[in-house]
Amino acid sequence: MAQIDLATDALVGDWLSLPDVAGRLGIPAGRVKQLLRDRKLLAVTRPEGTVAVPAAFLDGHHIVKGLPGTLTLLFDCGFDELEALRWLFTADESLPGTPIAAICRHRATEVNRRAQALAF
């Protein structure tokens, strides 16, 4: 798990601990760790040493639809965890807003097109 810097920590804003993620998804903590290993979710070590997942990655009791595919695409394009996190939470005026906000608005296909363009 990557150690996050203060700037990226502030960029993301709201975070959930792994037990909080498990509670919100209604699954055991071990299953959350499996989701992280499978790269369906992304967690980092925050500056104070806690491991956390961006709160924006969850929609109620579910992982945001389209997020796992976008994460896979970013990792396949060569992004590491911190680069993927920064990209997802950095404003893109052509969307408008951030890629994660667009994914939450069910625009993952458009976000994935932009991510694929980064690889070329």
C-alpha atoms as a PDB file:
ATOM      1  CA  MET A   1       0.000   0.000   0.000  1.00  0.00           C
ATOM      2  CA  ALA A   2       1.342   3.378  -1.004  1.00  0.00           C
ATOM      3  CA  GLN A   3       2.085   6.169   1.466  1.00  0.00           C
ATOM      4  CA  ILE A   4       0.129   9.259   0.452  1.00  0.00           C
ATOM      5  CA  ASP A   5       1.484  12.802   0.561  1.00  0.00           C
ATOM      6  CA  LEU A   6      -0.312  15.702   2.257  1.00  0.00           C
ATOM      7  CA  ALA A   7      -1.323  17.352  -1.030  1.00  0.00           C
ATOM      8  CA  THR A   8      -3.011  14.215  -2.364  1.00  0.00           C
ATOM      9  CA  ASP A   9      -4.579  13.550   1.044  1.00  0.00           C
ATOM     10  CA  ALA A  10      -6.160  17.013   0.911  1.00  0.00           C
ATOM     11  CA  LEU A  11      -7.186  16.531  -2.739  1.00  0.00           C
ATOM     12  CA  VAL A  12      -9.233  13.447  -1.815  1.00  0.00           C
ATOM     13  CA  GLY A  13     -10.772  14.963   1.314  1.00  0.00           C
ATOM     14  CA  ASP A  14     -13.038  12.360   2.932  1.00  0.00           C
ATOM     15  CA  TRP A  15     -11.667   8.968   3.861  1.00  0.00           C
ATOM     16  CA  LEU A  16     -12.991   5.712   5.310  1.00  0.00           C
ATOM     17  CA  SER A  17     -11.028   3.235   7.397  1.00  0.00           C
ATOM     18  CA  LEU A  18     -11.082  -0.399   6.282  1.00  0.00           C
ATOM     19  CA  PRO A  19     -13.500  -1.350   9.109  1.00  0.00           C
ATOM     20  CA  ASP A  20     -15.769   1.525   8.018  1.00  0.00           C
ATOM     21  CA  VAL A  21     -15.675   0.261   4.414  1.00  0.00           C
ATOM     22  CA  ALA A  22     -16.546  -3.242   5.608  1.00  0.00           C
ATOM     23  CA  GLY A  23     -19.445  -1.861   7.635  1.00  0.00           C
ATOM     24  CA  ARG A  24     -20.789   0.246   4.775  1.00  0.00           C
ATOM     25  CA  LEU A  25     -20.563  -2.662   2.318  1.00  0.00           C
ATOM     26  CA  GLY A  26     -21.910  -5.148   4.863  1.00  0.00           C
ATOM     27  CA  ILE A  27     -18.984  -7.528   4.384  1.00  0.00           C
ATOM     28  CA  PRO A  28     -16.206  -8.898   6.620  1.00  0.00           C
ATOM     29  CA  ALA A  29     -12.933  -6.951   6.852  1.00  0.00           C
ATOM     30  CA  GLY A  30     -11.145  -9.838   5.115  1.00  0.00           C
ATOM     31  CA  ARG A  31     -13.346  -9.358   2.068  1.00  0.00           C
ATOM     32  CA  VAL A  32     -12.360  -5.666   1.923  1.00  0.00           C
ATOM     33  CA  LYS A  33      -8.720  -6.732   1.847  1.00  0.00           C
ATOM     34  CA  GLN A  34      -9.544  -9.106  -1.013  1.00  0.00           C
ATOM     35  CA  LEU A  35     -11.204  -6.240  -2.919  1.00  0.00           C
ATOM     36  CA  LEU A  36      -7.979  -4.254  -2.449  1.00  0.00           C
ATOM     37  CA  ARG A  37      -5.816  -7.162  -3.661  1.00  0.00           C
ATOM     38  CA  ASP A  38      -8.110  -7.590  -6.668  1.00  0.00           C
ATOM     39  CA  ARG A  39      -7.852  -3.825  -7.279  1.00  0.00           C
ATOM     40  CA  LYS A  40     -11.607  -3.339  -7.157  1.00  0.00           C
ATOM     41  CA  LEU A  41     -10.879  -0.660  -4.540  1.00  0.00           C
ATOM     42  CA  LEU A  42      -7.826   1.410  -3.756  1.00  0.00           C
ATOM     43  CA  ALA A  43      -6.453   2.173  -0.297  1.00  0.00           C
ATOM     44  CA  VAL A  44      -3.414   4.133   0.809  1.00  0.00           C
ATOM     45  CA  THR A  45      -1.584   4.822   4.026  1.00  0.00           C
ATOM     46  CA  ARG A  46      -2.462   8.345   5.111  1.00  0.00           C
ATOM     47  CA  PRO A  47       0.081  10.758   6.670  1.00  0.00           C
ATOM     48  CA  GLU A  48      -0.958   9.804  10.223  1.00  0.00           C
ATOM     49  CA  GLY A  49      -0.384   6.114   9.422  1.00  0.00           C
ATOM     50  CA  THR A  50      -3.941   4.837   8.975  1.00  0.00           C
ATOM     51  CA  VAL A  51      -4.946   2.804   5.941  1.00  0.00           C
ATOM     52  CA  ALA A  52      -7.976   4.325   4.247  1.00  0.00           C
ATOM     53  CA  VAL A  53     -10.162   4.282   1.145  1.00  0.00           C
ATOM     54  CA  PRO A  54     -11.575   7.485  -0.393  1.00  0.00           C
ATOM     55  CA  ALA A  55     -15.194   7.869   0.733  1.00  0.00           C
ATOM     56  CA  ALA A  56     -16.113   8.859  -2.842  1.00  0.00           C
ATOM     57  CA  PHE A  57     -15.436   5.262  -3.914  1.00  0.00           C
ATOM     58  CA  LEU A  58     -18.596   4.091  -2.157  1.00  0.00           C
ATOM     59  CA  ASP A  59     -22.175   4.859  -3.106  1.00  0.00           C
ATOM     60  CA  GLY A  60     -24.265   3.936  -0.105  1.00  0.00           C
ATOM     61  CA  HIS A  61     -23.697   0.236   0.470  1.00  0.00           C
ATOM     62  CA  HIS A  62     -21.943  -0.426  -2.856  1.00  0.00           C
ATOM     63  CA  ILE A  63     -18.724   0.340  -4.671  1.00  0.00           C
ATOM     64  CA  VAL A  64     -19.374   3.089  -7.227  1.00  0.00           C
ATOM     65  CA  LYS A  65     -20.450   1.438 -10.472  1.00  0.00           C
ATOM     66  CA  GLY A  66     -17.658   1.659 -13.030  1.00  0.00           C
ATOM     67  CA  LEU A  67     -14.865   2.311 -10.527  1.00  0.00           C
ATOM     68  CA  PRO A  68     -13.283  -1.186 -10.626  1.00  0.00           C
ATOM     69  CA  GLY A  69     -13.044  -1.073 -14.426  1.00  0.00           C
ATOM     70  CA  THR A  70     -11.503   2.385 -14.357  1.00  0.00           C
ATOM     71  CA  LEU A  71      -8.967   1.304 -11.730  1.00  0.00           C
ATOM     72  CA  THR A  72      -8.020  -1.711 -13.857  1.00  0.00           C
ATOM     73  CA  LEU A  73      -7.607   0.517 -16.891  1.00  0.00           C
ATOM     74  CA  LEU A  74      -5.410   3.003 -15.003  1.00  0.00           C
ATOM     75  CA  PHE A  75      -3.188   0.242 -13.620  1.00  0.00           C
ATOM     76  CA  ASP A  76      -2.943  -1.357 -17.070  1.00  0.00           C
ATOM     77  CA  CYS A  77      -1.840   2.049 -18.415  1.00  0.00           C
ATOM     78  CA  GLY A  78       1.059   1.993 -15.955  1.00  0.00           C
ATOM     79  CA  PHE A  79      -0.330   4.176 -13.182  1.00  0.00           C
ATOM     80  CA  ASP A  80       0.694   3.350  -9.636  1.00  0.00           C
ATOM     81  CA  GLU A  81      -1.770   3.736  -6.747  1.00  0.00           C
ATOM     82  CA  LEU A  82      -0.908   7.367  -6.002  1.00  0.00           C
ATOM     83  CA  GLU A  83      -0.966   8.406  -9.650  1.00  0.00           C
ATOM     84  CA  ALA A  84      -4.363   6.760 -10.099  1.00  0.00           C
ATOM     85  CA  LEU A  85      -5.694   8.485  -6.998  1.00  0.00           C
ATOM     86  CA  ARG A  86      -4.394  11.889  -8.082  1.00  0.00           C
ATOM     87  CA  TRP A  87      -5.839  11.436 -11.573  1.00  0.00           C
ATOM     88  CA  LEU A  88      -9.262  10.415 -10.247  1.00  0.00           C
ATOM     89  CA  PHE A  89      -9.476  13.427  -7.911  1.00  0.00           C
ATOM     90  CA  THR A  90      -7.942  16.135 -10.108  1.00  0.00           C
ATOM     91  CA  ALA A  91     -10.420  18.426 -11.849  1.00  0.00           C
ATOM     92  CA  ASP A  92     -10.764  17.999 -15.603  1.00  0.00           C
ATOM     93  CA  GLU A  93     -12.550  20.924 -17.210  1.00  0.00           C
ATOM     94  CA  SER A  94     -13.603  18.788 -20.168  1.00  0.00           C
ATOM     95  CA  LEU A  95     -15.732  16.504 -17.972  1.00  0.00           C
ATOM     96  CA  PRO A  96     -16.477  18.958 -16.004  1.00  0.00           C
ATOM     97  CA  GLY A  97     -15.361  18.158 -12.498  1.00  0.00           C
ATOM     98  CA  THR A  98     -13.161  15.274 -11.440  1.00  0.00           C
ATOM     99  CA  PRO A  99     -13.055  11.836 -13.031  1.00  0.00           C
ATOM    100  CA  ILE A 100     -14.401  10.235  -9.824  1.00  0.00           C
ATOM    101  CA  ALA A 101     -17.320  12.688  -9.797  1.00  0.00           C
ATOM    102  CA  ALA A 102     -18.064  11.777 -13.420  1.00  0.00           C
ATOM    103  CA  ILE A 103     -17.944   8.062 -12.574  1.00  0.00           C
ATOM    104  CA  CYS A 104     -20.409   8.706  -9.741  1.00  0.00           C
ATOM    105  CA  ARG A 105     -22.695  10.385 -12.310  1.00  0.00           C
ATOM    106  CA  HIS A 106     -22.591   7.204 -14.432  1.00  0.00           C
ATOM    107  CA  ARG A 107     -20.134   8.598 -16.974  1.00  0.00           C
ATOM    108  CA  ALA A 108     -17.464   5.908 -16.518  1.00  0.00           C
ATOM    109  CA  THR A 109     -17.273   5.247 -20.266  1.00  0.00           C
ATOM    110  CA  GLU A 110     -16.192   8.831 -20.929  1.00  0.00           C
ATOM    111  CA  VAL A 111     -13.707   8.714 -18.038  1.00  0.00           C
ATOM    112  CA  ASN A 112     -12.272   5.453 -19.376  1.00  0.00           C
ATOM    113  CA  ARG A 113     -11.797   7.014 -22.823  1.00  0.00           C
ATOM    114  CA  ARG A 114      -9.733   9.762 -21.252  1.00  0.00           C
ATOM    115  CA  ALA A 115      -7.722   7.252 -19.224  1.00  0.00           C
ATOM    116  CA  GLN A 116      -7.019   5.159 -22.323  1.00  0.00           C
ATOM    117  CA  ALA A 117      -5.801   8.255 -24.164  1.00  0.00           C
ATOM    118  CA  LEU A 118      -3.173   8.734 -21.466  1.00  0.00           C
ATOM    119  CA  ALA A 119      -1.584   5.411 -22.372  1.00  0.00           C
ATOM    120  CA  PHE A 120      -0.854   6.462 -25.956  1.00  0.00           C
END
